[in-house]
PDB file of N, CA and C in Angstrom:
ATOM      1  N   MET A   1       0.854  -1.171   0.000  1.00  0.00           N
ATOM      2  CA  MET A   1       0.000   0.000   0.000  1.00  0.00           C
ATOM      3  C   MET A   1       0.897   1.230   0.000  1.00  0.00           C
ATOM      4  N   ILE A   2       0.603   2.179  -0.873  1.00  0.00           N
ATOM      5  CA  ILE A   2       1.340   3.441  -0.932  1.00  0.00           C
ATOM      6  C   ILE A   2       0.460   4.519  -0.320  1.00  0.00           C
ATOM      7  N   GLU A   3       1.028   5.283   0.592  1.00  0.00           N
ATOM      8  CA  GLU A   3       0.270   6.330   1.249  1.00  0.00           C
ATOM      9  C   GLU A   3       0.716   7.692   0.769  1.00  0.00           C
ATOM     10  N   GLY A   4      -0.047   8.707   1.093  1.00  0.00           N
ATOM     11  CA  GLY A   4       0.042  10.023   0.506  1.00  0.00           C
ATOM     12  C   GLY A   4       1.296  10.839   0.670  1.00  0.00           C
ATOM     13  N   VAL A   5       1.331  11.864  -0.124  1.00  0.00           N
ATOM     14  CA  VAL A   5       2.401  12.850  -0.063  1.00  0.00           C
ATOM     15  C   VAL A   5       2.048  13.809   1.065  1.00  0.00           C
ATOM     16  N   SER A   6       2.948  13.971   2.002  1.00  0.00           N
ATOM     17  CA  SER A   6       2.677  14.792   3.180  1.00  0.00           C
ATOM     18  C   SER A   6       3.302  16.181   3.020  1.00  0.00           C
ATOM     19  N   ALA A   7       3.174  16.982   4.069  1.00  0.00           N
ATOM     20  CA  ALA A   7       3.799  18.302   4.063  1.00  0.00           C
ATOM     21  C   ALA A   7       5.309  18.168   3.915  1.00  0.00           C
ATOM     22  N   ARG A   8       5.875  17.076   4.390  1.00  0.00           N
ATOM     23  CA  ARG A   8       7.313  16.803   4.240  1.00  0.00           C
ATOM     24  C   ARG A   8       7.610  16.395   2.811  1.00  0.00           C
ATOM     25  N   ARG A   9       6.631  16.062   2.057  1.00  0.00           N
ATOM     26  CA  ARG A   9       6.731  15.640   0.671  1.00  0.00           C
ATOM     27  C   ARG A   9       7.437  14.301   0.549  1.00  0.00           C
ATOM     28  N   GLY A  10       6.634  13.292   0.455  1.00  0.00           N
ATOM     29  CA  GLY A  10       7.172  11.956   0.287  1.00  0.00           C
ATOM     30  C   GLY A  10       6.054  10.958   0.196  1.00  0.00           C
ATOM     31  N   ALA A  11       6.425   9.720   0.035  1.00  0.00           N
ATOM     32  CA  ALA A  11       5.452   8.646  -0.023  1.00  0.00           C
ATOM     33  C   ALA A  11       6.001   7.487   0.788  1.00  0.00           C
ATOM     34  N   ILE A  12       5.109   6.762   1.426  1.00  0.00           N
ATOM     35  CA  ILE A  12       5.483   5.630   2.265  1.00  0.00           C
ATOM     36  C   ILE A  12       4.786   4.392   1.731  1.00  0.00           C
ATOM     37  N   ALA A  13       5.533   3.289   1.670  1.00  0.00           N
ATOM     38  CA  ALA A  13       4.957   2.004   1.279  1.00  0.00           C
ATOM     39  C   ALA A  13       4.951   1.110   2.508  1.00  0.00           C
ATOM     40  N   SER A  14       3.838   0.417   2.724  1.00  0.00           N
ATOM     41  CA  SER A  14       3.765  -0.503   3.851  1.00  0.00           C
ATOM     42  C   SER A  14       3.221  -1.841   3.380  1.00  0.00           C
ATOM     43  N   THR A  15       3.519  -2.868   4.165  1.00  0.00           N
ATOM     44  CA  THR A  15       3.029  -4.211   3.853  1.00  0.00           C
ATOM     45  C   THR A  15       1.641  -4.377   4.459  1.00  0.00           C
ATOM     46  N   ALA A  16       1.003  -5.500   4.173  1.00  0.00           N
ATOM     47  CA  ALA A  16      -0.345  -5.766   4.680  1.00  0.00           C
ATOM     48  C   ALA A  16      -0.377  -5.748   6.210  1.00  0.00           C
ATOM     49  N   ASP A  17       0.710  -6.136   6.847  1.00  0.00           N
ATOM     50  CA  ASP A  17       0.755  -6.132   8.317  1.00  0.00           C
ATOM     51  C   ASP A  17       1.295  -4.804   8.870  1.00  0.00           C
ATOM     52  N   ILE A  18       1.235  -3.756   8.061  1.00  0.00           N
ATOM     53  CA  ILE A  18       1.594  -2.389   8.433  1.00  0.00           C
ATOM     54  C   ILE A  18       3.099  -2.227   8.685  1.00  0.00           C
ATOM     55  N   LYS A  19       3.897  -3.092   8.184  1.00  0.00           N
ATOM     56  CA  LYS A  19       5.344  -2.950   8.294  1.00  0.00           C
ATOM     57  C   LYS A  19       5.829  -1.963   7.236  1.00  0.00           C
ATOM     58  N   LEU A  20       6.747  -1.082   7.624  1.00  0.00           N
ATOM     59  CA  LEU A  20       7.310  -0.144   6.659  1.00  0.00           C
ATOM     60  C   LEU A  20       8.089  -0.926   5.610  1.00  0.00           C
ATOM     61  N   ALA A  21       7.712  -0.755   4.357  1.00  0.00           N
ATOM     62  CA  ALA A  21       8.379  -1.452   3.256  1.00  0.00           C
ATOM     63  C   ALA A  21       9.338  -0.531   2.518  1.00  0.00           C
ATOM     64  N   GLY A  22       9.058   0.769   2.535  1.00  0.00           N
ATOM     65  CA  GLY A  22       9.932   1.706   1.851  1.00  0.00           C
ATOM     66  C   GLY A  22       9.371   3.112   1.878  1.00  0.00           C
ATOM     67  N   PHE A  23      10.188   4.048   1.432  1.00  0.00           N
ATOM     68  CA  PHE A  23       9.727   5.424   1.326  1.00  0.00           C
ATOM     69  C   PHE A  23      10.500   6.140   0.237  1.00  0.00           C
ATOM     70  N   ALA A  24       9.884   7.187  -0.278  1.00  0.00           N
ATOM     71  CA  ALA A  24      10.526   8.095  -1.230  1.00  0.00           C
ATOM     72  C   ALA A  24      10.422   9.490  -0.634  1.00  0.00           C
ATOM     73  N   ASP A  25      11.555  10.145  -0.504  1.00  0.00           N
ATOM     74  CA  ASP A  25      11.626  11.504   0.033  1.00  0.00           C
ATOM     75  C   ASP A  25      11.811  12.448  -1.146  1.00  0.00           C
ATOM     76  N   ILE A  26      10.906  13.400  -1.301  1.00  0.00           N
ATOM     77  CA  ILE A  26      10.997  14.331  -2.421  1.00  0.00           C
ATOM     78  C   ILE A  26      11.065  15.763  -1.908  1.00  0.00           C
ATOM     79  N   GLY A  27      11.746  16.585  -2.666  1.00  0.00           N
ATOM     80  CA  GLY A  27      11.852  17.990  -2.329  1.00  0.00           C
ATOM     81  C   GLY A  27      11.607  18.831  -3.568  1.00  0.00           C
ATOM     82  N   ILE A  28      11.426  20.092  -3.358  1.00  0.00           N
ATOM     83  CA  ILE A  28      11.252  21.023  -4.473  1.00  0.00           C
ATOM     84  C   ILE A  28      12.479  21.931  -4.487  1.00  0.00           C
ATOM     85  N   ARG A  29      13.182  21.916  -5.606  1.00  0.00           N
ATOM     86  CA  ARG A  29      14.384  22.733  -5.764  1.00  0.00           C
ATOM     87  C   ARG A  29      14.134  23.804  -6.815  1.00  0.00           C
ATOM     88  N   THR A  30      14.811  24.922  -6.660  1.00  0.00           N
ATOM     89  CA  THR A  30      14.656  25.981  -7.649  1.00  0.00           C
ATOM     90  C   THR A  30      15.325  25.611  -8.963  1.00  0.00           C
ATOM     91  N   TYR A  31      16.350  24.734  -8.893  1.00  0.00           N
ATOM     92  CA  TYR A  31      17.079  24.354 -10.088  1.00  0.00           C
ATOM     93  C   TYR A  31      17.722  22.993  -9.858  1.00  0.00           C
ATOM     94  N   ALA A  32      17.863  22.212 -10.919  1.00  0.00           N
ATOM     95  CA  ALA A  32      18.594  20.943 -10.843  1.00  0.00           C
ATOM     96  C   ALA A  32      19.306  20.727 -12.171  1.00  0.00           C
ATOM     97  N   ASP A  33      20.577  20.342 -12.109  1.00  0.00           N
ATOM     98  CA  ASP A  33      21.344  20.069 -13.326  1.00  0.00           C
ATOM     99  C   ASP A  33      20.611  19.055 -14.199  1.00  0.00           C
ATOM    100  N   GLY A  34      20.536  19.359 -15.468  1.00  0.00           N
ATOM    101  CA  GLY A  34      19.921  18.446 -16.422  1.00  0.00           C
ATOM    102  C   GLY A  34      18.430  18.593 -16.580  1.00  0.00           C
ATOM    103  N   CYS A  35      17.799  19.424 -15.767  1.00  0.00           N
ATOM    104  CA  CYS A  35      16.352  19.606 -15.870  1.00  0.00           C
ATOM    105  C   CYS A  35      16.033  20.837 -16.707  1.00  0.00           C
ATOM    106  N   THR A  36      14.866  20.813 -17.302  1.00  0.00           N
ATOM    107  CA  THR A  36      14.491  21.887 -18.211  1.00  0.00           C
ATOM    108  C   THR A  36      13.438  22.830 -17.645  1.00  0.00           C
ATOM    109  N   ASN A  37      12.869  22.503 -16.496  1.00  0.00           N
ATOM    110  CA  ASN A  37      11.832  23.336 -15.899  1.00  0.00           C
ATOM    111  C   ASN A  37      12.226  23.734 -14.487  1.00  0.00           C
ATOM    112  N   GLN A  38      11.736  24.880 -14.055  1.00  0.00           N
ATOM    113  CA  GLN A  38      11.942  25.336 -12.689  1.00  0.00           C
ATOM    114  C   GLN A  38      10.612  25.807 -12.125  1.00  0.00           C
ATOM    115  N   PRO A  39      10.321  25.565 -10.877  1.00  0.00           N
ATOM    116  CA  PRO A  39      11.069  24.708  -9.970  1.00  0.00           C
ATOM    117  C   PRO A  39      10.961  23.241 -10.400  1.00  0.00           C
ATOM    118  N   VAL A  40      11.762  22.407  -9.767  1.00  0.00           N
ATOM    119  CA  VAL A  40      11.797  21.002 -10.144  1.00  0.00           C
ATOM    120  C   VAL A  40      11.582  20.117  -8.922  1.00  0.00           C
ATOM    121  N   LEU A  41      10.838  19.061  -9.120  1.00  0.00           N
ATOM    122  CA  LEU A  41      10.658  18.065  -8.066  1.00  0.00           C
ATOM    123  C   LEU A  41      11.898  17.178  -8.067  1.00  0.00           C
ATOM    124  N   TYR A  42      12.455  16.937  -6.891  1.00  0.00           N
ATOM    125  CA  TYR A  42      13.719  16.212  -6.794  1.00  0.00           C
ATOM    126  C   TYR A  42      13.572  15.011  -5.863  1.00  0.00           C
ATOM    127  N   LEU A  43      13.951  13.855  -6.357  1.00  0.00           N
ATOM    128  CA  LEU A  43      13.958  12.652  -5.533  1.00  0.00           C
ATOM    129  C   LEU A  43      15.193  12.737  -4.639  1.00  0.00           C
ATOM    130  N   GLU A  44      14.989  13.133  -3.405  1.00  0.00           N
ATOM    131  CA  GLU A  44      16.096  13.340  -2.470  1.00  0.00           C
ATOM    132  C   GLU A  44      16.633  12.012  -1.942  1.00  0.00           C
ATOM    133  N   GLY A  45      15.765  11.040  -1.845  1.00  0.00           N
ATOM    134  CA  GLY A  45      16.182   9.730  -1.358  1.00  0.00           C
ATOM    135  C   GLY A  45      15.074   8.724  -1.518  1.00  0.00           C
ATOM    136  N   ILE A  46      15.469   7.472  -1.612  1.00  0.00           N
ATOM    137  CA  ILE A  46      14.498   6.384  -1.669  1.00  0.00           C
ATOM    138  C   ILE A  46      15.107   5.200  -0.940  1.00  0.00           C
ATOM    139  N   TRP A  47      14.296   4.506  -0.173  1.00  0.00           N
ATOM    140  CA  TRP A  47      14.759   3.357   0.592  1.00  0.00           C
ATOM    141  C   TRP A  47      13.695   2.266   0.538  1.00  0.00           C
ATOM    142  N   ILE A  48      14.147   1.057   0.316  1.00  0.00           N
ATOM    143  CA  ILE A  48      13.262  -0.101   0.342  1.00  0.00           C
ATOM    144  C   ILE A  48      13.851  -1.092   1.340  1.00  0.00           C
ATOM    145  N   ASP A  49      13.019  -1.607   2.241  1.00  0.00           N
ATOM    146  CA  ASP A  49      13.471  -2.606   3.204  1.00  0.00           C
ATOM    147  C   ASP A  49      14.104  -3.774   2.455  1.00  0.00           C
ATOM    148  N   PRO A  50      15.269  -4.235   2.896  1.00  0.00           N
ATOM    149  CA  PRO A  50      15.938  -5.335   2.180  1.00  0.00           C
ATOM    150  C   PRO A  50      15.059  -6.560   1.955  1.00  0.00           C
ATOM    151  N   GLN A  51      14.163  -6.863   2.889  1.00  0.00           N
ATOM    152  CA  GLN A  51      13.278  -8.024   2.724  1.00  0.00           C
ATOM    153  C   GLN A  51      12.170  -7.767   1.708  1.00  0.00           C
ATOM    154  N   CYS A  52      11.982  -6.519   1.324  1.00  0.00           N
ATOM    155  CA  CYS A  52      10.908  -6.159   0.397  1.00  0.00           C
ATOM    156  C   CYS A  52      11.422  -5.785  -0.994  1.00  0.00           C
ATOM    157  N   ARG A  53      12.714  -5.869  -1.197  1.00  0.00           N
ATOM    158  CA  ARG A  53      13.277  -5.485  -2.489  1.00  0.00           C
ATOM    159  C   ARG A  53      12.923  -6.497  -3.561  1.00  0.00           C
ATOM    160  N   ARG A  54      13.016  -6.037  -4.820  1.00  0.00           N
ATOM    161  CA  ARG A  54      12.705  -6.860  -6.002  1.00  0.00           C
ATOM    162  C   ARG A  54      11.222  -7.239  -6.051  1.00  0.00           C
ATOM    163  N   GLN A  55      10.377  -6.380  -5.470  1.00  0.00           N
ATOM    164  CA  GLN A  55       8.924  -6.611  -5.471  1.00  0.00           C
ATOM    165  C   GLN A  55       8.175  -5.424  -6.074  1.00  0.00           C
ATOM    166  N   SER A  56       8.857  -4.583  -6.815  1.00  0.00           N
ATOM    167  CA  SER A  56       8.290  -3.413  -7.508  1.00  0.00           C
ATOM    168  C   SER A  56       7.844  -2.292  -6.581  1.00  0.00           C
ATOM    169  N   ILE A  57       8.275  -2.307  -5.331  1.00  0.00           N
ATOM    170  CA  ILE A  57       7.869  -1.253  -4.404  1.00  0.00           C
ATOM    171  C   ILE A  57       8.439   0.095  -4.834  1.00  0.00           C
ATOM    172  N   GLY A  58       9.702   0.129  -5.243  1.00  0.00           N
ATOM    173  CA  GLY A  58      10.291   1.380  -5.726  1.00  0.00           C
ATOM    174  C   GLY A  58       9.532   1.927  -6.914  1.00  0.00           C
ATOM    175  N   ARG A  59       9.184   1.059  -7.844  1.00  0.00           N
ATOM    176  CA  ARG A  59       8.417   1.485  -9.025  1.00  0.00           C
ATOM    177  C   ARG A  59       7.070   2.057  -8.608  1.00  0.00           C
ATOM    178  N   HIS A  60       6.390   1.389  -7.679  1.00  0.00           N
ATOM    179  CA  HIS A  60       5.088   1.881  -7.223  1.00  0.00           C
ATOM    180  C   HIS A  60       5.221   3.225  -6.508  1.00  0.00           C
ATOM    181  N   LEU A  61       6.256   3.381  -5.703  1.00  0.00           N
ATOM    182  CA  LEU A  61       6.478   4.669  -5.041  1.00  0.00           C
ATOM    183  C   LEU A  61       6.676   5.777  -6.071  1.00  0.00           C
ATOM    184  N   LEU A  62       7.517   5.505  -7.079  1.00  0.00           N
ATOM    185  CA  LEU A  62       7.782   6.531  -8.098  1.00  0.00           C
ATOM    186  C   LEU A  62       6.548   6.812  -8.950  1.00  0.00           C
ATOM    187  N   GLU A  63       5.734   5.813  -9.226  1.00  0.00           N
ATOM    188  CA  GLU A  63       4.484   6.054  -9.959  1.00  0.00           C
ATOM    189  C   GLU A  63       3.553   6.935  -9.138  1.00  0.00           C
ATOM    190  N   PHE A  64       3.463   6.671  -7.841  1.00  0.00           N
ATOM    191  CA  PHE A  64       2.617   7.470  -6.957  1.00  0.00           C
ATOM    192  C   PHE A  64       3.103   8.920  -6.912  1.00  0.00           C
ATOM    193  N   VAL A  65       4.404   9.093  -6.701  1.00  0.00           N
ATOM    194  CA  VAL A  65       4.988  10.435  -6.653  1.00  0.00           C
ATOM    195  C   VAL A  65       4.795  11.143  -7.989  1.00  0.00           C
ATOM    196  N   SER A  66       4.951  10.428  -9.089  1.00  0.00           N
ATOM    197  CA  SER A  66       4.785  11.024 -10.423  1.00  0.00           C
ATOM    198  C   SER A  66       3.363  11.522 -10.636  1.00  0.00           C
ATOM    199  N   ARG A  67       2.380  10.732 -10.224  1.00  0.00           N
ATOM    200  CA  ARG A  67       0.974  11.175 -10.360  1.00  0.00           C
ATOM    201  C   ARG A  67       0.737  12.440  -9.534  1.00  0.00           C
ATOM    202  N   TRP A  68       1.245  12.441  -8.307  1.00  0.00           N
ATOM    203  CA  TRP A  68       1.082  13.613  -7.457  1.00  0.00           C
ATOM    204  C   TRP A  68       1.770  14.816  -8.097  1.00  0.00           C
ATOM    205  N   ALA A  69       3.000  14.619  -8.590  1.00  0.00           N
ATOM    206  CA  ALA A  69       3.760  15.719  -9.195  1.00  0.00           C
ATOM    207  C   ALA A  69       3.018  16.313 -10.383  1.00  0.00           C
ATOM    208  N   LYS A  70       2.482  15.464 -11.238  1.00  0.00           N
ATOM    209  CA  LYS A  70       1.707  15.954 -12.396  1.00  0.00           C
ATOM    210  C   LYS A  70       0.512  16.769 -11.931  1.00  0.00           C
ATOM    211  N   SER A  71      -0.168  16.293 -10.889  1.00  0.00           N
ATOM    212  CA  SER A  71      -1.351  17.009 -10.399  1.00  0.00           C
ATOM    213  C   SER A  71      -0.984  18.374  -9.834  1.00  0.00           C
ATOM    214  N   GLU A  72       0.268  18.549  -9.435  1.00  0.00           N
ATOM    215  CA  GLU A  72       0.755  19.816  -8.894  1.00  0.00           C
ATOM    216  C   GLU A  72       1.407  20.692  -9.962  1.00  0.00           C
ATOM    217  N   GLY A  73       1.427  20.209 -11.207  1.00  0.00           N
ATOM    218  CA  GLY A  73       1.953  21.008 -12.304  1.00  0.00           C
ATOM    219  C   GLY A  73       3.430  20.807 -12.626  1.00  0.00           C
ATOM    220  N   PHE A  74       4.080  19.864 -11.964  1.00  0.00           N
ATOM    221  CA  PHE A  74       5.484  19.598 -12.276  1.00  0.00           C
ATOM    222  C   PHE A  74       5.574  18.843 -13.593  1.00  0.00           C
ATOM    223  N   MET A  75       6.647  19.112 -14.330  1.00  0.00           N
ATOM    224  CA  MET A  75       6.839  18.504 -15.642  1.00  0.00           C
ATOM    225  C   MET A  75       7.874  17.384 -15.637  1.00  0.00           C
ATOM    226  N   GLU A  76       8.686  17.309 -14.588  1.00  0.00           N
ATOM    227  CA  GLU A  76       9.732  16.295 -14.515  1.00  0.00           C
ATOM    228  C   GLU A  76      10.170  16.096 -13.071  1.00  0.00           C
ATOM    229  N   ILE A  77      10.816  14.968 -12.836  1.00  0.00           N
ATOM    230  CA  ILE A  77      11.417  14.666 -11.543  1.00  0.00           C
ATOM    231  C   ILE A  77      12.900  14.422 -11.802  1.00  0.00           C
ATOM    232  N   CYS A  78      13.737  15.001 -10.970  1.00  0.00           N
ATOM    233  CA  CYS A  78      15.182  14.795 -11.094  1.00  0.00           C
ATOM    234  C   CYS A  78      15.694  14.024  -9.884  1.00  0.00           C
ATOM    235  N   SER A  79      16.866  13.474 -10.037  1.00  0.00           N
ATOM    236  CA  SER A  79      17.485  12.698  -8.977  1.00  0.00           C
ATOM    237  C   SER A  79      18.979  12.645  -9.222  1.00  0.00           C
ATOM    238  N   ASP A  80      19.711  12.088  -8.296  1.00  0.00           N
ATOM    239  CA  ASP A  80      21.133  11.856  -8.498  1.00  0.00           C
ATOM    240  C   ASP A  80      21.552  10.633  -7.701  1.00  0.00           C
ATOM    241  N   THR A  81      22.732  10.150  -8.000  1.00  0.00           N
ATOM    242  CA  THR A  81      23.313   9.038  -7.257  1.00  0.00           C
ATOM    243  C   THR A  81      24.816   9.073  -7.439  1.00  0.00           C
ATOM    244  N   ASP A  82      25.509   8.370  -6.606  1.00  0.00           N
ATOM    245  CA  ASP A  82      26.954   8.287  -6.727  1.00  0.00           C
ATOM    246  C   ASP A  82      27.322   7.624  -8.053  1.00  0.00           C
ATOM    247  N   ILE A  83      28.361   8.107  -8.671  1.00  0.00           N
ATOM    248  CA  ILE A  83      28.760   7.604  -9.984  1.00  0.00           C
ATOM    249  C   ILE A  83      29.111   6.115  -9.957  1.00  0.00           C
ATOM    250  N   LYS A  84      29.502   5.600  -8.800  1.00  0.00           N
ATOM    251  CA  LYS A  84      29.867   4.186  -8.672  1.00  0.00           C
ATOM    252  C   LYS A  84      28.703   3.290  -8.245  1.00  0.00           C
ATOM    253  N   ASN A  85      27.557   3.876  -7.934  1.00  0.00           N
ATOM    254  CA  ASN A  85      26.423   3.101  -7.443  1.00  0.00           C
ATOM    255  C   ASN A  85      25.619   2.536  -8.614  1.00  0.00           C
ATOM    256  N   LEU A  86      26.109   1.465  -9.189  1.00  0.00           N
ATOM    257  CA  LEU A  86      25.481   0.892 -10.379  1.00  0.00           C
ATOM    258  C   LEU A  86      24.105   0.313 -10.090  1.00  0.00           C
ATOM    259  N   THR A  87      23.872  -0.137  -8.864  1.00  0.00           N
ATOM    260  CA  THR A  87      22.540  -0.626  -8.503  1.00  0.00           C
ATOM    261  C   THR A  87      21.526   0.502  -8.602  1.00  0.00           C
ATOM    262  N   SER A  88      21.896   1.665  -8.098  1.00  0.00           N
ATOM    263  CA  SER A  88      21.008   2.828  -8.186  1.00  0.00           C
ATOM    264  C   SER A  88      20.832   3.275  -9.628  1.00  0.00           C
ATOM    265  N   HIS A  89      21.887   3.216 -10.418  1.00  0.00           N
ATOM    266  CA  HIS A  89      21.774   3.564 -11.841  1.00  0.00           C
ATOM    267  C   HIS A  89      20.725   2.673 -12.506  1.00  0.00           C
ATOM    268  N   SER A  90      20.807   1.372 -12.240  1.00  0.00           N
ATOM    269  CA  SER A  90      19.846   0.422 -12.832  1.00  0.00           C
ATOM    270  C   SER A  90      18.430   0.696 -12.361  1.00  0.00           C
ATOM    271  N   ALA A  91      18.288   0.971 -11.069  1.00  0.00           N
ATOM    272  CA  ALA A  91      16.955   1.263 -10.529  1.00  0.00           C
ATOM    273  C   ALA A  91      16.376   2.515 -11.170  1.00  0.00           C
ATOM    274  N   HIS A  92      17.155   3.587 -11.248  1.00  0.00           N
ATOM    275  CA  HIS A  92      16.676   4.821 -11.870  1.00  0.00           C
ATOM    276  C   HIS A  92      16.249   4.566 -13.317  1.00  0.00           C
ATOM    277  N   SER A  93      17.033   3.805 -14.037  1.00  0.00           N
ATOM    278  CA  SER A  93      16.691   3.485 -15.422  1.00  0.00           C
ATOM    279  C   SER A  93      15.366   2.719 -15.490  1.00  0.00           C
ATOM    280  N   ALA A  94      15.203   1.756 -14.600  1.00  0.00           N
ATOM    281  CA  ALA A  94      13.957   0.975 -14.574  1.00  0.00           C
ATOM    282  C   ALA A  94      12.755   1.833 -14.215  1.00  0.00           C
ATOM    283  N   TRP A  95      12.973   2.900 -13.450  1.00  0.00           N
ATOM    284  CA  TRP A  95      11.881   3.796 -13.054  1.00  0.00           C
ATOM    285  C   TRP A  95      11.588   4.841 -14.110  1.00  0.00           C
ATOM    286  N   GLY A  96      12.325   4.842 -15.208  1.00  0.00           N
ATOM    287  CA  GLY A  96      12.057   5.776 -16.292  1.00  0.00           C
ATOM    288  C   GLY A  96      12.946   7.011 -16.321  1.00  0.00           C
ATOM    289  N   PHE A  97      13.927   7.093 -15.447  1.00  0.00           N
ATOM    290  CA  PHE A  97      14.868   8.214 -15.466  1.00  0.00           C
ATOM    291  C   PHE A  97      15.884   7.982 -16.580  1.00  0.00           C
ATOM    292  N   SER A  98      16.421   9.058 -17.121  1.00  0.00           N
ATOM    293  CA  SER A  98      17.520   8.953 -18.072  1.00  0.00           C
ATOM    294  C   SER A  98      18.652   9.845 -17.576  1.00  0.00           C
ATOM    295  N   GLU A  99      19.866   9.382 -17.783  1.00  0.00           N
ATOM    296  CA  GLU A  99      21.034  10.131 -17.323  1.00  0.00           C
ATOM    297  C   GLU A  99      21.182  11.407 -18.136  1.00  0.00           C
ATOM    298  N   THR A 100      21.489  12.507 -17.438  1.00  0.00           N
ATOM    299  CA  THR A 100      21.651  13.797 -18.130  1.00  0.00           C
ATOM    300  C   THR A 100      23.095  14.275 -18.148  1.00  0.00           C
ATOM    301  N   SER A 101      23.880  13.916 -17.145  1.00  0.00           N
ATOM    302  CA  SER A 101      25.273  14.376 -17.108  1.00  0.00           C
ATOM    303  C   SER A 101      26.022  13.621 -16.017  1.00  0.00           C
ATOM    304  N   ARG A 102      27.346  13.786 -16.042  1.00  0.00           N
ATOM    305  CA  ARG A 102      28.217  13.258 -14.987  1.00  0.00           C
ATOM    306  C   ARG A 102      29.148  14.379 -14.561  1.00  0.00           C
ATOM    307  N   ILE A 103      29.410  14.440 -13.256  1.00  0.00           N
ATOM    308  CA  ILE A 103      30.315  15.459 -12.751  1.00  0.00           C
ATOM    309  C   ILE A 103      31.314  14.820 -11.794  1.00  0.00           C
ATOM    310  N   THR A 104      32.404  15.508 -11.594  1.00  0.00           N
ATOM    311  CA  THR A 104      33.375  15.130 -10.579  1.00  0.00           C
ATOM    312  C   THR A 104      33.463  16.287  -9.602  1.00  0.00           C
ATOM    313  N   ASN A 105      33.243  15.994  -8.339  1.00  0.00           N
ATOM    314  CA  ASN A 105      33.325  17.017  -7.298  1.00  0.00           C
ATOM    315  C   ASN A 105      34.720  17.004  -6.699  1.00  0.00           C
ATOM    316  N   PHE A 106      35.181  18.162  -6.281  1.00  0.00           N
ATOM    317  CA  PHE A 106      36.494  18.297  -5.667  1.00  0.00           C
ATOM    318  C   PHE A 106      36.350  18.903  -4.284  1.00  0.00           C
ATOM    319  N   ARG A 107      37.354  18.654  -3.470  1.00  0.00           N
ATOM    320  CA  ARG A 107      37.347  19.156  -2.095  1.00  0.00           C
ATOM    321  C   ARG A 107      38.759  19.554  -1.726  1.00  0.00           C
ATOM    322  N   LYS A 108      38.902  20.676  -1.037  1.00  0.00           N
ATOM    323  CA  LYS A 108      40.198  21.094  -0.517  1.00  0.00           C
ATOM    324  C   LYS A 108      40.002  21.450   0.959  1.00  0.00           C
ATOM    325  N   PRO A 109      40.502  20.585   1.842  1.00  0.00           N
ATOM    326  CA  PRO A 109      40.366  20.904   3.262  1.00  0.00           C
ATOM    327  C   PRO A 109      41.206  22.124   3.632  1.00  0.00           C
ATOM    328  N   LEU A 110      40.676  22.931   4.493  1.00  0.00           N
ATOM    329  CA  LEU A 110      41.408  24.113   4.962  1.00  0.00           C
ATOM    330  C   LEU A 110      41.874  23.830   6.393  1.00  0.00           C
ATOM    331  N   ALA A 111      43.187  23.817   6.572  1.00  0.00           N
ATOM    332  CA  ALA A 111      43.771  23.477   7.877  1.00  0.00           C
ATOM    333  C   ALA A 111      43.566  24.599   8.866  1.00  0.00           C
TER     334      ALA A 111
END
């Protein structure tokens, strides 16, 4: 069962026995790399309980969020993941996302 988008903006999936199966955390950003509309709905995070994975829960969460986003006038959803996280790359692809760019971030600690 997928439950509603709250003021925190997200969706929760639960099992028949009310166990948390997963959630999608969404935010609204003024801009996101690779997106063509502003503001943009952004998938900030998604988690599926390990015992509930490979059961289409992520897909159902994203379908629910997508319907809500359309009803609110959003034209696209953006997301990101670590460049080495191939599992997340595959999941995003299965959910209908397409890669828009790759970046390398740098850091210089100040002593």
